Structures are given as structure tokens and as C-alpha cells.
C-alpha atoms as a PDB file:
ATOM      1  CA  MET A   1       0.553  11.226  -0.508  1.00  0.00           C
ATOM      2  CA  LEU A   2       2.875   8.458  -1.652  1.00  0.00           C
ATOM      3  CA  GLU A   3       6.086   9.305  -3.425  1.00  0.00           C
ATOM      4  CA  PRO A   4       6.648   7.699  -6.837  1.00  0.00           C
ATOM      5  CA  GLY A   5       8.117   4.227  -6.451  1.00  0.00           C
ATOM      6  CA  THR A   6       6.698   3.736  -2.948  1.00  0.00           C
ATOM      7  CA  PRO A   7       4.875   0.397  -2.568  1.00  0.00           C
ATOM      8  CA  ALA A   8       1.129   0.855  -2.110  1.00  0.00           C
ATOM      9  CA  PRO A   9      -0.221   0.068   1.363  1.00  0.00           C
ATOM     10  CA  ASP A  10      -2.443  -3.000   1.611  1.00  0.00           C
ATOM     11  CA  PHE A  11      -6.167  -2.314   1.274  1.00  0.00           C
ATOM     12  CA  SER A  12      -9.399  -4.187   0.700  1.00  0.00           C
ATOM     13  CA  VAL A  13     -12.277  -3.229  -1.578  1.00  0.00           C
ATOM     14  CA  SER A  14     -15.429  -4.837  -2.961  1.00  0.00           C
ATOM     15  CA  ASP A  15     -15.320  -5.808  -6.615  1.00  0.00           C
ATOM     16  CA  GLN A  16     -18.169  -5.546  -9.131  1.00  0.00           C
ATOM     17  CA  ASP A  17     -19.679  -8.772  -7.747  1.00  0.00           C
ATOM     18  CA  GLY A  18     -19.517  -7.665  -4.108  1.00  0.00           C
ATOM     19  CA  LEU A  19     -16.567  -9.934  -3.281  1.00  0.00           C
ATOM     20  CA  VAL A  20     -13.847  -8.435  -1.109  1.00  0.00           C
ATOM     21  CA  VAL A  21     -10.402  -8.403  -2.712  1.00  0.00           C
ATOM     22  CA  THR A  22      -7.170  -7.121  -1.228  1.00  0.00           C
ATOM     23  CA  LEU A  23      -4.015  -5.787  -2.766  1.00  0.00           C
ATOM     24  CA  ASP A  24      -2.241  -8.820  -1.302  1.00  0.00           C
ATOM     25  CA  ASP A  25      -4.389 -11.042  -3.582  1.00  0.00           C
ATOM     26  CA  PHE A  26      -2.449  -9.571  -6.510  1.00  0.00           C
ATOM     27  CA  ARG A  27       1.035  -9.470  -4.962  1.00  0.00           C
ATOM     28  CA  GLY A  28       3.622 -10.018  -7.702  1.00  0.00           C
ATOM     29  CA  HIS A  29       1.307  -8.811 -10.502  1.00  0.00           C
ATOM     30  CA  TRP A  30       0.710  -5.417 -12.055  1.00  0.00           C
ATOM     31  CA  VAL A  31      -2.471  -3.784 -10.772  1.00  0.00           C
ATOM     32  CA  ALA A  32      -4.448  -0.887 -12.264  1.00  0.00           C
ATOM     33  CA  LEU A  33      -7.074   0.610  -9.981  1.00  0.00           C
ATOM     34  CA  TRP A  34      -9.612   3.246 -10.910  1.00  0.00           C
ATOM     35  CA  TRP A  35     -12.923   4.378  -9.546  1.00  0.00           C
ATOM     36  CA  TYR A  36     -15.717   6.758 -10.391  1.00  0.00           C
ATOM     37  CA  PRO A  37     -16.519   8.725  -7.214  1.00  0.00           C
ATOM     38  CA  ILE A  38     -20.014   9.749  -8.319  1.00  0.00           C
ATOM     39  CA  ALA A  39     -20.993   6.549 -10.141  1.00  0.00           C
ATOM     40  CA  SER A  40     -23.153   5.191  -7.312  1.00  0.00           C
ATOM     41  CA  THR A  41     -24.748   8.474  -6.267  1.00  0.00           C
ATOM     42  CA  PRO A  42     -28.161   9.808  -7.222  1.00  0.00           C
ATOM     43  CA  GLY A  43     -28.415  12.558  -9.769  1.00  0.00           C
END
């Protein structure tokens, strides 16, 4: 768990188009990240 104010570690993730983006791509900008854990699951 990160403490408030701690810089986020670098990571990579696929965007909605399947392109890989990294946190470093947005260095110097505000970033909001959210996900829906069950969005791509059956049911």
C-alpha cells in the first residue's frame, strides 16, 4: 500500500484500443486511472 503523496511506481497497461501505455508516457501530467474488475468476465 502506498502512503498518500508517494509517487506511483511505473506500470504498463493496455488501453481500450489494445495499445500499451505506461505511466511514464504521462509524466508531468495529472493521471486518473480506474478499472472495472468484472467488466471482461462472463456472467
